[in-house]
Amino acid sequence: MARLGTLAYNPFMTTRRFFLLSFLAFALTLALPLRAHQAAATPAPEYGPPAGTLVIVGGAMSNNFGVPQKFIELAGGLDKKFVIVPTNGGNKNADGTPREYNEDRVLAAWKSRGLTNVVMLHTWDPKVANTESFVTPLLDADAVWFDGGRQWNAVDSYMNTRTLEEFWNVLHRGGVIAGSSAGATIQSDYLVRGDTSGPNVMMTDEPNHQHGFAFLKQSAIDQHINTRMRWDDLIPVIQQYPQYLGIGISEDTAIVVTGDRFEVIGRWKVTVHDNTHAYQPWEKPYDTLSVGDVYDMQARKIVKRGNGANAGRRGGGAR
């Protein structure tokens, strides 16, 4: 047998290694397309955005129950770039002139929380909202916050504009979109209380104010349900539009949406109105969730209680 240096040359072993390496290379070429196909076949969320996170707050947010802190944490920390949108507060003054906002006043609460890179974004004019110069602050933003007020104001300014596209791009980059009160409802698909005559009209006849930005698809979101006794207000909405999931949120309370699930954080209760479930005559026609509960919107059920145990029953509408 011939020798190479101090090692014996074995033609059988060399041939065997060759075929083994060839087989492994062939198997790898089969596995890579299969993994790519499996990744591509993963369905997009039915309700939440395919990337990024939503923080949807029921109004009157304080610093006492961890809600703004969670928003900042999800964005990546105090030094990330935040964009604050006050537009729900109003587009026009009583005399019809465009409303202007004082940026220092709008940003004061967020700077007091320690944000170091935060700007205001507002226009009453959708033509301006369609310009490249206006959307520049959004191009590298990590998080967007919508203030409260009346949600149809943001619709008037940003629906079907370049600005709305860039809001979505914040999510596509893995960022966060959040808001409180009207800033919660604007994130839904169907826009409750979108009537310009007043907030007590749940379902407006105004065609341009019937839909929000649909960051949370197939949903109708109400807020202030505890302090303004709005527990039952979504019932007629879901009866008329059974394709939607109704979500009512208490003040100082939020849902954190990732994909098709959300977790309740903050102070108190969230209601979920689901027209596909037959409730008992003595039950309220919605489930009631508490802080720490996790809800699967696609499965339409509570999947974890706040103590970490799996939920074995529905909320039954008890508050």
C-alpha atoms as a PDB file:
ATOM      1  CA  MET A   1       0.000   0.000   0.000  1.00  0.00           C
ATOM      2  CA  ALA A   2       1.404   3.418  -0.925  1.00  0.00           C
ATOM      3  CA  ARG A   3       2.104   5.958   1.824  1.00  0.00           C
ATOM      4  CA  LEU A   4       1.652   9.748   1.846  1.00  0.00           C
ATOM      5  CA  GLY A   5       4.087  11.060   4.464  1.00  0.00           C
ATOM      6  CA  THR A   6       3.385   8.955   7.533  1.00  0.00           C
ATOM      7  CA  LEU A   7      -0.283   8.190   6.669  1.00  0.00           C
ATOM      8  CA  ALA A   8      -1.402   5.249   4.546  1.00  0.00           C
ATOM      9  CA  TYR A   9      -3.443   6.016   1.469  1.00  0.00           C
ATOM     10  CA  ASN A  10      -6.659   3.966   1.358  1.00  0.00           C
ATOM     11  CA  PRO A  11      -8.579   4.374  -1.918  1.00  0.00           C
ATOM     12  CA  PHE A  12     -11.698   2.757  -0.450  1.00  0.00           C
ATOM     13  CA  MET A  13     -11.866   5.257   2.425  1.00  0.00           C
ATOM     14  CA  THR A  14     -11.261   8.182   0.077  1.00  0.00           C
ATOM     15  CA  THR A  15     -14.097   7.095  -2.210  1.00  0.00           C
ATOM     16  CA  ARG A  16     -16.369   6.597   0.785  1.00  0.00           C
ATOM     17  CA  ARG A  17     -15.621  10.106   2.082  1.00  0.00           C
ATOM     18  CA  PHE A  18     -16.301  11.531  -1.388  1.00  0.00           C
ATOM     19  CA  PHE A  19     -19.738   9.911  -1.622  1.00  0.00           C
ATOM     20  CA  LEU A  20     -20.586  10.929   1.967  1.00  0.00           C
ATOM     21  CA  LEU A  21     -19.688  14.553   1.334  1.00  0.00           C
ATOM     22  CA  SER A  22     -21.618  14.503  -1.947  1.00  0.00           C
ATOM     23  CA  PHE A  23     -24.681  13.101  -0.193  1.00  0.00           C
ATOM     24  CA  LEU A  24     -24.528  15.767   2.542  1.00  0.00           C
ATOM     25  CA  ALA A  25     -24.227  18.534  -0.055  1.00  0.00           C
ATOM     26  CA  PHE A  26     -27.213  17.123  -1.953  1.00  0.00           C
ATOM     27  CA  ALA A  27     -29.278  16.869   1.224  1.00  0.00           C
ATOM     28  CA  LEU A  28     -28.431  20.476   2.074  1.00  0.00           C
ATOM     29  CA  THR A  29     -29.590  21.689  -1.330  1.00  0.00           C
ATOM     30  CA  LEU A  30     -32.922  19.973  -0.696  1.00  0.00           C
ATOM     31  CA  ALA A  31     -33.288  21.304   2.844  1.00  0.00           C
ATOM     32  CA  LEU A  32     -32.680  24.969   2.051  1.00  0.00           C
ATOM     33  CA  PRO A  33     -35.586  25.373  -0.411  1.00  0.00           C
ATOM     34  CA  LEU A  34     -37.784  23.377   1.970  1.00  0.00           C
ATOM     35  CA  ARG A  35     -37.017  25.734   4.845  1.00  0.00           C
ATOM     36  CA  ALA A  36     -37.596  28.731   2.587  1.00  0.00           C
ATOM     37  CA  HIS A  37     -40.934  27.264   1.512  1.00  0.00           C
ATOM     38  CA  GLN A  38     -41.931  26.626   5.128  1.00  0.00           C
ATOM     39  CA  ALA A  39     -41.067  30.215   6.067  1.00  0.00           C
ATOM     40  CA  ALA A  40     -42.982  31.574   3.090  1.00  0.00           C
ATOM     41  CA  ALA A  41     -45.951  29.380   3.940  1.00  0.00           C
ATOM     42  CA  THR A  42     -46.288  30.843   7.460  1.00  0.00           C
ATOM     43  CA  PRO A  43     -49.587  32.712   7.321  1.00  0.00           C
ATOM     44  CA  ALA A  44     -49.688  36.418   8.093  1.00  0.00           C
ATOM     45  CA  PRO A  45     -51.583  37.403  11.230  1.00  0.00           C
ATOM     46  CA  GLU A  46     -55.311  37.738  10.717  1.00  0.00           C
ATOM     47  CA  TYR A  47     -55.694  40.667  13.122  1.00  0.00           C
ATOM     48  CA  GLY A  48     -52.415  42.232  14.211  1.00  0.00           C
ATOM     49  CA  PRO A  49     -49.673  43.617  11.979  1.00  0.00           C
ATOM     50  CA  PRO A  50     -47.210  41.098  10.454  1.00  0.00           C
ATOM     51  CA  ALA A  51     -44.334  42.877  12.214  1.00  0.00           C
ATOM     52  CA  GLY A  52     -43.977  45.358  15.031  1.00  0.00           C
ATOM     53  CA  THR A  53     -46.185  45.892  18.071  1.00  0.00           C
ATOM     54  CA  LEU A  54     -49.318  47.875  18.919  1.00  0.00           C
ATOM     55  CA  VAL A  55     -49.985  49.441  22.306  1.00  0.00           C
ATOM     56  CA  ILE A  56     -53.641  50.465  22.529  1.00  0.00           C
ATOM     57  CA  VAL A  57     -54.567  52.484  25.620  1.00  0.00           C
ATOM     58  CA  GLY A  58     -58.062  53.157  26.962  1.00  0.00           C
ATOM     59  CA  GLY A  59     -57.417  56.800  27.878  1.00  0.00           C
ATOM     60  CA  ALA A  60     -56.279  58.942  30.824  1.00  0.00           C
ATOM     61  CA  MET A  61     -52.824  57.374  30.860  1.00  0.00           C
ATOM     62  CA  SER A  62     -50.684  58.058  33.915  1.00  0.00           C
ATOM     63  CA  ASN A  63     -47.173  56.951  34.808  1.00  0.00           C
ATOM     64  CA  ASN A  64     -48.453  54.792  37.662  1.00  0.00           C
ATOM     65  CA  PHE A  65     -49.349  51.468  36.028  1.00  0.00           C
ATOM     66  CA  GLY A  66     -46.511  50.792  33.603  1.00  0.00           C
ATOM     67  CA  VAL A  67     -48.232  51.621  30.321  1.00  0.00           C
ATOM     68  CA  PRO A  68     -45.988  54.418  28.963  1.00  0.00           C
ATOM     69  CA  GLN A  69     -42.984  52.565  30.330  1.00  0.00           C
ATOM     70  CA  LYS A  70     -43.972  49.472  28.321  1.00  0.00           C
ATOM     71  CA  PHE A  71     -44.340  51.576  25.168  1.00  0.00           C
ATOM     72  CA  ILE A  72     -40.845  53.005  25.631  1.00  0.00           C
ATOM     73  CA  GLU A  73     -39.400  49.570  26.381  1.00  0.00           C
ATOM     74  CA  LEU A  74     -40.939  48.031  23.239  1.00  0.00           C
ATOM     75  CA  ALA A  75     -39.511  50.872  21.146  1.00  0.00           C
ATOM     76  CA  GLY A  76     -36.032  49.997  22.381  1.00  0.00           C
ATOM     77  CA  GLY A  77     -35.444  52.497  25.161  1.00  0.00           C
ATOM     78  CA  LEU A  78     -35.271  56.198  25.924  1.00  0.00           C
ATOM     79  CA  ASP A  79     -32.733  57.039  23.207  1.00  0.00           C
ATOM     80  CA  LYS A  80     -34.805  55.660  20.317  1.00  0.00           C
ATOM     81  CA  LYS A  81     -36.642  57.989  17.929  1.00  0.00           C
ATOM     82  CA  PHE A  82     -40.251  58.778  18.883  1.00  0.00           C
ATOM     83  CA  VAL A  83     -42.831  60.682  16.840  1.00  0.00           C
ATOM     84  CA  ILE A  84     -45.822  62.179  18.677  1.00  0.00           C
ATOM     85  CA  VAL A  85     -48.963  62.937  16.645  1.00  0.00           C
ATOM     86  CA  PRO A  86     -51.384  65.389  18.355  1.00  0.00           C
ATOM     87  CA  THR A  87     -53.766  65.619  15.379  1.00  0.00           C
ATOM     88  CA  ASN A  88     -56.724  63.934  17.085  1.00  0.00           C
ATOM     89  CA  GLY A  89     -56.841  67.011  19.312  1.00  0.00           C
ATOM     90  CA  GLY A  90     -58.311  68.975  16.405  1.00  0.00           C
ATOM     91  CA  ASN A  91     -57.522  70.190  12.913  1.00  0.00           C
ATOM     92  CA  LYS A  92     -59.482  73.440  12.835  1.00  0.00           C
ATOM     93  CA  ASN A  93     -60.304  76.152  15.337  1.00  0.00           C
ATOM     94  CA  ALA A  94     -63.864  77.300  15.960  1.00  0.00           C
ATOM     95  CA  ASP A  95     -63.471  80.031  13.307  1.00  0.00           C
ATOM     96  CA  GLY A  96     -62.333  77.494  10.700  1.00  0.00           C
ATOM     97  CA  THR A  97     -58.658  78.436  10.708  1.00  0.00           C
ATOM     98  CA  PRO A  98     -56.057  75.641  10.874  1.00  0.00           C
ATOM     99  CA  ARG A  99     -55.149  74.663  14.393  1.00  0.00           C
ATOM    100  CA  GLU A 100     -51.515  75.005  15.393  1.00  0.00           C
ATOM    101  CA  TYR A 101     -49.828  73.039  18.163  1.00  0.00           C
ATOM    102  CA  ASN A 102     -47.054  74.137  20.471  1.00  0.00           C
ATOM    103  CA  GLU A 103     -44.402  71.468  20.078  1.00  0.00           C
ATOM    104  CA  ASP A 104     -42.861  72.024  23.499  1.00  0.00           C
ATOM    105  CA  ARG A 105     -46.239  71.556  25.137  1.00  0.00           C
ATOM    106  CA  VAL A 106     -47.052  68.438  23.101  1.00  0.00           C
ATOM    107  CA  LEU A 107     -43.707  66.822  23.892  1.00  0.00           C
ATOM    108  CA  ALA A 108     -43.385  67.928  27.529  1.00  0.00           C
ATOM    109  CA  ALA A 109     -44.885  64.781  29.087  1.00  0.00           C
ATOM    110  CA  TRP A 110     -42.687  62.519  26.977  1.00  0.00           C
ATOM    111  CA  LYS A 111     -39.522  64.459  27.708  1.00  0.00           C
ATOM    112  CA  SER A 112     -40.361  64.289  31.403  1.00  0.00           C
ATOM    113  CA  ARG A 113     -40.377  60.490  31.003  1.00  0.00           C
ATOM    114  CA  GLY A 114     -36.796  60.692  29.765  1.00  0.00           C
ATOM    115  CA  LEU A 115     -37.095  60.581  25.970  1.00  0.00           C
ATOM    116  CA  THR A 116     -34.088  62.214  24.326  1.00  0.00           C
ATOM    117  CA  ASN A 117     -35.079  61.968  20.640  1.00  0.00           C
ATOM    118  CA  VAL A 118     -38.723  62.912  20.253  1.00  0.00           C
ATOM    119  CA  VAL A 119     -40.468  65.128  17.682  1.00  0.00           C
ATOM    120  CA  MET A 120     -44.004  66.286  16.915  1.00  0.00           C
ATOM    121  CA  LEU A 121     -45.770  65.544  13.615  1.00  0.00           C
ATOM    122  CA  HIS A 122     -48.964  67.367  12.641  1.00  0.00           C
ATOM    123  CA  THR A 123     -50.822  68.768   9.677  1.00  0.00           C
ATOM    124  CA  TRP A 124     -54.465  69.463   9.006  1.00  0.00           C
ATOM    125  CA  ASP A 125     -53.884  69.214   5.246  1.00  0.00           C
ATOM    126  CA  PRO A 126     -53.768  65.760   3.575  1.00  0.00           C
ATOM    127  CA  LYS A 127     -51.897  67.307   0.649  1.00  0.00           C
ATOM    128  CA  VAL A 128     -49.086  68.217   3.017  1.00  0.00           C
ATOM    129  CA  ALA A 129     -49.294  64.720   4.533  1.00  0.00           C
ATOM    130  CA  ASN A 130     -48.547  63.364   1.073  1.00  0.00           C
ATOM    131  CA  THR A 131     -45.242  65.197   0.709  1.00  0.00           C
ATOM    132  CA  GLU A 132     -41.766  63.762   1.187  1.00  0.00           C
ATOM    133  CA  SER A 133     -40.644  66.609   3.415  1.00  0.00           C
ATOM    134  CA  PHE A 134     -43.508  66.065   5.861  1.00  0.00           C
ATOM    135  CA  VAL A 135     -42.897  62.333   6.318  1.00  0.00           C
ATOM    136  CA  THR A 136     -39.135  62.715   6.841  1.00  0.00           C
ATOM    137  CA  PRO A 137     -39.352  62.269  10.650  1.00  0.00           C
ATOM    138  CA  LEU A 138     -41.067  58.920  10.120  1.00  0.00           C
ATOM    139  CA  LEU A 139     -38.425  57.438   7.832  1.00  0.00           C
ATOM    140  CA  ASP A 140     -36.163  56.383  10.705  1.00  0.00           C
ATOM    141  CA  ALA A 141     -38.691  56.461  13.567  1.00  0.00           C
ATOM    142  CA  ASP A 142     -38.815  53.590  16.043  1.00  0.00           C
ATOM    143  CA  ALA A 143     -42.175  54.475  17.547  1.00  0.00           C
ATOM    144  CA  VAL A 144     -45.282  56.573  16.872  1.00  0.00           C
ATOM    145  CA  TRP A 145     -47.755  57.814  19.479  1.00  0.00           C
ATOM    146  CA  PHE A 146     -51.254  59.174  18.723  1.00  0.00           C
ATOM    147  CA  ASP A 147     -52.712  61.579  21.265  1.00  0.00           C
ATOM    148  CA  GLY A 148     -56.388  61.589  22.257  1.00  0.00           C
ATOM    149  CA  GLY A 149     -59.194  63.851  21.084  1.00  0.00           C
ATOM    150  CA  ARG A 150     -61.538  62.967  18.230  1.00  0.00           C
ATOM    151  CA  GLN A 151     -60.335  60.169  15.994  1.00  0.00           C
ATOM    152  CA  TRP A 152     -61.851  61.477  12.786  1.00  0.00           C
ATOM    153  CA  ASN A 153     -59.350  64.340  12.810  1.00  0.00           C
ATOM    154  CA  ALA A 154     -56.484  61.926  12.135  1.00  0.00           C
ATOM    155  CA  VAL A 155     -58.566  60.286   9.399  1.00  0.00           C
ATOM    156  CA  ASP A 156     -59.086  63.667   7.723  1.00  0.00           C
ATOM    157  CA  SER A 157     -55.369  64.418   7.810  1.00  0.00           C
ATOM    158  CA  TYR A 158     -53.682  61.098   7.025  1.00  0.00           C
ATOM    159  CA  MET A 159     -55.986  58.551   5.441  1.00  0.00           C
ATOM    160  CA  ASN A 160     -54.734  57.406   2.004  1.00  0.00           C
ATOM    161  CA  THR A 161     -51.588  59.543   2.217  1.00  0.00           C
ATOM    162  CA  ARG A 162     -47.844  58.942   2.194  1.00  0.00           C
ATOM    163  CA  THR A 163     -47.911  59.573   5.940  1.00  0.00           C
ATOM    164  CA  LEU A 164     -50.142  56.556   6.550  1.00  0.00           C
ATOM    165  CA  GLU A 165     -47.757  54.450   4.454  1.00  0.00           C
ATOM    166  CA  GLU A 166     -44.875  55.567   6.636  1.00  0.00           C
ATOM    167  CA  PHE A 167     -46.825  54.781   9.819  1.00  0.00           C
ATOM    168  CA  TRP A 168     -47.103  51.253   8.452  1.00  0.00           C
ATOM    169  CA  ASN A 169     -43.399  51.205   7.589  1.00  0.00           C
ATOM    170  CA  VAL A 170     -42.576  51.869  11.253  1.00  0.00           C
ATOM    171  CA  LEU A 171     -44.325  48.584  12.025  1.00  0.00           C
ATOM    172  CA  HIS A 172     -42.707  46.781   9.106  1.00  0.00           C
ATOM    173  CA  ARG A 173     -39.308  47.701  10.574  1.00  0.00           C
ATOM    174  CA  GLY A 174     -40.338  46.120  13.864  1.00  0.00           C
ATOM    175  CA  GLY A 175     -41.285  49.376  15.577  1.00  0.00           C
ATOM    176  CA  VAL A 176     -44.214  50.324  17.790  1.00  0.00           C
ATOM    177  CA  ILE A 177     -47.428  52.234  17.172  1.00  0.00           C
ATOM    178  CA  ALA A 178     -49.375  53.333  20.220  1.00  0.00           C
ATOM    179  CA  GLY A 179     -52.028  55.766  21.320  1.00  0.00           C
ATOM    180  CA  SER A 180     -54.572  56.582  23.989  1.00  0.00           C
ATOM    181  CA  SER A 181     -58.323  57.298  23.809  1.00  0.00           C
ATOM    182  CA  ALA A 182     -58.892  58.527  20.239  1.00  0.00           C
ATOM    183  CA  GLY A 183     -55.324  57.349  19.647  1.00  0.00           C
ATOM    184  CA  ALA A 184     -56.564  53.864  20.496  1.00  0.00           C
ATOM    185  CA  THR A 185     -59.678  53.898  18.315  1.00  0.00           C
ATOM    186  CA  ILE A 186     -57.770  55.237  15.295  1.00  0.00           C
ATOM    187  CA  GLN A 187     -55.775  51.982  15.259  1.00  0.00           C
ATOM    188  CA  SER A 188     -58.894  49.875  14.622  1.00  0.00           C
ATOM    189  CA  ASP A 189     -60.570  48.928  11.365  1.00  0.00           C
ATOM    190  CA  TYR A 190     -64.123  50.088  12.042  1.00  0.00           C
ATOM    191  CA  LEU A 191     -64.101  53.590  13.577  1.00  0.00           C
ATOM    192  CA  VAL A 192     -66.568  53.814  16.457  1.00  0.00           C
ATOM    193  CA  ARG A 193     -67.605  57.306  17.595  1.00  0.00           C
ATOM    194  CA  GLY A 194     -66.382  58.701  14.288  1.00  0.00           C
ATOM    195  CA  ASP A 195     -69.310  61.072  13.794  1.00  0.00           C
ATOM    196  CA  THR A 196     -68.389  64.750  13.673  1.00  0.00           C
ATOM    197  CA  SER A 197     -71.585  65.713  15.529  1.00  0.00           C
ATOM    198  CA  GLY A 198     -70.342  64.227  18.788  1.00  0.00           C
ATOM    199  CA  PRO A 199     -68.756  61.238  20.521  1.00  0.00           C
ATOM    200  CA  ASN A 200     -72.026  59.590  21.576  1.00  0.00           C
ATOM    201  CA  VAL A 201     -72.803  58.399  18.033  1.00  0.00           C
ATOM    202  CA  MET A 202     -71.307  54.917  17.873  1.00  0.00           C
ATOM    203  CA  MET A 203     -71.915  54.249  14.145  1.00  0.00           C
ATOM    204  CA  THR A 204     -71.706  57.279  11.903  1.00  0.00           C
ATOM    205  CA  ASP A 205     -73.412  57.672   8.542  1.00  0.00           C
ATOM    206  CA  GLU A 206     -70.450  59.748   7.345  1.00  0.00           C
ATOM    207  CA  PRO A 207     -68.723  57.411   4.841  1.00  0.00           C
ATOM    208  CA  ASN A 208     -65.301  59.011   5.250  1.00  0.00           C
ATOM    209  CA  HIS A 209     -65.338  58.466   9.028  1.00  0.00           C
ATOM    210  CA  GLN A 210     -66.319  54.807   9.241  1.00  0.00           C
ATOM    211  CA  HIS A 211     -62.820  53.336   9.142  1.00  0.00           C
ATOM    212  CA  GLY A 212     -59.608  53.872  11.044  1.00  0.00           C
ATOM    213  CA  PHE A 213     -56.067  52.994  10.028  1.00  0.00           C
ATOM    214  CA  ALA A 214     -56.652  49.238  10.619  1.00  0.00           C
ATOM    215  CA  PHE A 215     -53.325  48.531  12.265  1.00  0.00           C
ATOM    216  CA  LEU A 216     -55.532  46.056  14.138  1.00  0.00           C
ATOM    217  CA  LYS A 217     -57.620  44.516  11.377  1.00  0.00           C
ATOM    218  CA  GLN A 218     -61.224  43.311  11.712  1.00  0.00           C
ATOM    219  CA  SER A 219     -61.660  45.227  14.940  1.00  0.00           C
ATOM    220  CA  ALA A 220     -63.700  48.004  16.517  1.00  0.00           C
ATOM    221  CA  ILE A 221     -62.026  49.636  19.538  1.00  0.00           C
ATOM    222  CA  ASP A 222     -63.744  51.695  22.224  1.00  0.00           C
ATOM    223  CA  GLN A 223     -62.131  53.464  25.189  1.00  0.00           C
ATOM    224  CA  HIS A 224     -62.925  54.991  28.627  1.00  0.00           C
ATOM    225  CA  ILE A 225     -65.313  52.081  29.174  1.00  0.00           C
ATOM    226  CA  ASN A 226     -65.080  52.227  32.971  1.00  0.00           C
ATOM    227  CA  THR A 227     -65.240  55.932  33.777  1.00  0.00           C
ATOM    228  CA  ARG A 228     -67.835  56.748  31.087  1.00  0.00           C
ATOM    229  CA  MET A 229     -69.881  53.578  31.616  1.00  0.00           C
ATOM    230  CA  ARG A 230     -69.367  52.337  28.064  1.00  0.00           C
ATOM    231  CA  TRP A 231     -69.300  48.630  28.960  1.00  0.00           C
ATOM    232  CA  ASP A 232     -72.217  47.771  26.670  1.00  0.00           C
ATOM    233  CA  ASP A 233     -71.729  50.371  23.937  1.00  0.00           C
ATOM    234  CA  LEU A 234     -70.033  47.993  21.493  1.00  0.00           C
ATOM    235  CA  ILE A 235     -72.926  45.511  21.614  1.00  0.00           C
ATOM    236  CA  PRO A 236     -74.985  47.131  18.790  1.00  0.00           C
ATOM    237  CA  VAL A 237     -71.823  47.684  16.727  1.00  0.00           C
ATOM    238  CA  ILE A 238     -70.932  43.989  16.755  1.00  0.00           C
ATOM    239  CA  GLN A 239     -74.560  43.032  16.152  1.00  0.00           C
ATOM    240  CA  GLN A 240     -74.587  45.143  12.997  1.00  0.00           C
ATOM    241  CA  TYR A 241     -71.027  44.249  11.957  1.00  0.00           C
ATOM    242  CA  PRO A 242     -70.478  40.670  13.190  1.00  0.00           C
ATOM    243  CA  GLN A 243     -67.272  40.321  11.180  1.00  0.00           C
ATOM    244  CA  TYR A 244     -65.486  42.594  13.668  1.00  0.00           C
ATOM    245  CA  LEU A 245     -64.041  41.806  17.064  1.00  0.00           C
ATOM    246  CA  GLY A 246     -65.089  44.500  19.524  1.00  0.00           C
ATOM    247  CA  ILE A 247     -62.524  45.575  22.129  1.00  0.00           C
ATOM    248  CA  GLY A 248     -63.360  47.966  24.962  1.00  0.00           C
ATOM    249  CA  ILE A 249     -60.511  49.275  27.105  1.00  0.00           C
ATOM    250  CA  SER A 250     -60.557  50.905  30.538  1.00  0.00           C
ATOM    251  CA  GLU A 251     -58.572  54.008  31.389  1.00  0.00           C
ATOM    252  CA  ASP A 252     -54.920  53.571  32.372  1.00  0.00           C
ATOM    253  CA  THR A 253     -55.159  50.122  30.779  1.00  0.00           C
ATOM    254  CA  ALA A 254     -53.783  48.857  27.475  1.00  0.00           C
ATOM    255  CA  ILE A 255     -53.585  45.860  25.216  1.00  0.00           C
ATOM    256  CA  VAL A 256     -50.183  45.012  23.752  1.00  0.00           C
ATOM    257  CA  VAL A 257     -50.731  43.381  20.357  1.00  0.00           C
ATOM    258  CA  THR A 258     -48.222  41.030  18.768  1.00  0.00           C
ATOM    259  CA  GLY A 259     -49.509  39.081  15.793  1.00  0.00           C
ATOM    260  CA  ASP A 260     -52.938  37.659  16.616  1.00  0.00           C
ATOM    261  CA  ARG A 261     -52.546  37.841  20.394  1.00  0.00           C
ATOM    262  CA  PHE A 262     -52.713  40.612  22.912  1.00  0.00           C
ATOM    263  CA  GLU A 263     -51.899  40.919  26.603  1.00  0.00           C
ATOM    264  CA  VAL A 264     -53.700  43.240  29.011  1.00  0.00           C
ATOM    265  CA  ILE A 265     -51.415  45.581  30.965  1.00  0.00           C
ATOM    266  CA  GLY A 266     -51.992  48.550  33.229  1.00  0.00           C
ATOM    267  CA  ARG A 267     -54.725  49.171  35.764  1.00  0.00           C
ATOM    268  CA  TRP A 268     -57.995  47.365  35.101  1.00  0.00           C
ATOM    269  CA  LYS A 269     -60.350  45.675  32.604  1.00  0.00           C
ATOM    270  CA  VAL A 270     -60.741  45.001  28.877  1.00  0.00           C
ATOM    271  CA  THR A 271     -63.881  43.655  27.208  1.00  0.00           C
ATOM    272  CA  VAL A 272     -63.951  41.504  24.081  1.00  0.00           C
ATOM    273  CA  HIS A 273     -67.187  41.373  22.055  1.00  0.00           C
ATOM    274  CA  ASP A 274     -67.315  38.236  19.914  1.00  0.00           C
ATOM    275  CA  ASN A 275     -70.425  37.650  17.822  1.00  0.00           C
ATOM    276  CA  THR A 276     -69.387  34.057  17.041  1.00  0.00           C
ATOM    277  CA  HIS A 277     -69.949  32.952  20.649  1.00  0.00           C
ATOM    278  CA  ALA A 278     -73.392  32.161  22.027  1.00  0.00           C
ATOM    279  CA  TYR A 279     -73.589  33.607  25.533  1.00  0.00           C
ATOM    280  CA  GLN A 280     -76.039  32.487  28.163  1.00  0.00           C
ATOM    281  CA  PRO A 281     -79.121  34.693  28.710  1.00  0.00           C
ATOM    282  CA  TRP A 282     -77.810  35.794  32.130  1.00  0.00           C
ATOM    283  CA  GLU A 283     -74.386  36.750  30.771  1.00  0.00           C
ATOM    284  CA  LYS A 284     -73.242  39.996  29.277  1.00  0.00           C
ATOM    285  CA  PRO A 285     -72.465  39.285  25.587  1.00  0.00           C
ATOM    286  CA  TYR A 286     -68.753  39.842  25.962  1.00  0.00           C
ATOM    287  CA  ASP A 287     -65.733  38.456  27.785  1.00  0.00           C
ATOM    288  CA  THR A 288     -63.984  40.468  30.472  1.00  0.00           C
ATOM    289  CA  LEU A 289     -60.190  40.313  30.755  1.00  0.00           C
ATOM    290  CA  SER A 290     -57.950  41.439  33.580  1.00  0.00           C
ATOM    291  CA  VAL A 291     -54.331  42.567  33.734  1.00  0.00           C
ATOM    292  CA  GLY A 292     -52.004  39.797  32.623  1.00  0.00           C
ATOM    293  CA  ASP A 293     -54.624  37.911  30.616  1.00  0.00           C
ATOM    294  CA  VAL A 294     -53.627  36.919  27.074  1.00  0.00           C
ATOM    295  CA  TYR A 295     -56.249  36.710  24.338  1.00  0.00           C
ATOM    296  CA  ASP A 296     -55.936  34.923  20.983  1.00  0.00           C
ATOM    297  CA  MET A 297     -57.984  36.937  18.502  1.00  0.00           C
ATOM    298  CA  GLN A 298     -57.900  34.294  15.795  1.00  0.00           C
ATOM    299  CA  ALA A 299     -59.003  31.516  18.137  1.00  0.00           C
ATOM    300  CA  ARG A 300     -61.375  33.949  19.877  1.00  0.00           C
ATOM    301  CA  LYS A 301     -60.480  32.843  23.387  1.00  0.00           C
ATOM    302  CA  ILE A 302     -58.460  33.672  26.482  1.00  0.00           C
ATOM    303  CA  VAL A 303     -55.341  31.505  26.333  1.00  0.00           C
ATOM    304  CA  LYS A 304     -53.678  32.546  29.574  1.00  0.00           C
ATOM    305  CA  ARG A 305     -54.836  34.128  32.784  1.00  0.00           C
ATOM    306  CA  GLY A 306     -52.824  36.735  34.613  1.00  0.00           C
ATOM    307  CA  ASN A 307     -51.466  34.185  37.059  1.00  0.00           C
ATOM    308  CA  GLY A 308     -49.881  32.285  34.152  1.00  0.00           C
ATOM    309  CA  ALA A 309     -52.342  29.368  34.218  1.00  0.00           C
ATOM    310  CA  ASN A 310     -54.159  28.282  31.077  1.00  0.00           C
ATOM    311  CA  ALA A 311     -57.696  29.586  30.950  1.00  0.00           C
ATOM    312  CA  GLY A 312     -60.240  26.815  31.089  1.00  0.00           C
ATOM    313  CA  ARG A 313     -63.311  28.971  30.682  1.00  0.00           C
ATOM    314  CA  ARG A 314     -64.491  32.171  29.064  1.00  0.00           C
ATOM    315  CA  GLY A 315     -64.953  35.437  30.872  1.00  0.00           C
ATOM    316  CA  GLY A 316     -68.746  35.280  30.795  1.00  0.00           C
ATOM    317  CA  GLY A 317     -69.120  39.059  30.850  1.00  0.00           C
ATOM    318  CA  ALA A 318     -68.676  39.405  34.604  1.00  0.00           C
ATOM    319  CA  ARG A 319     -66.997  42.592  35.755  1.00  0.00           C
END
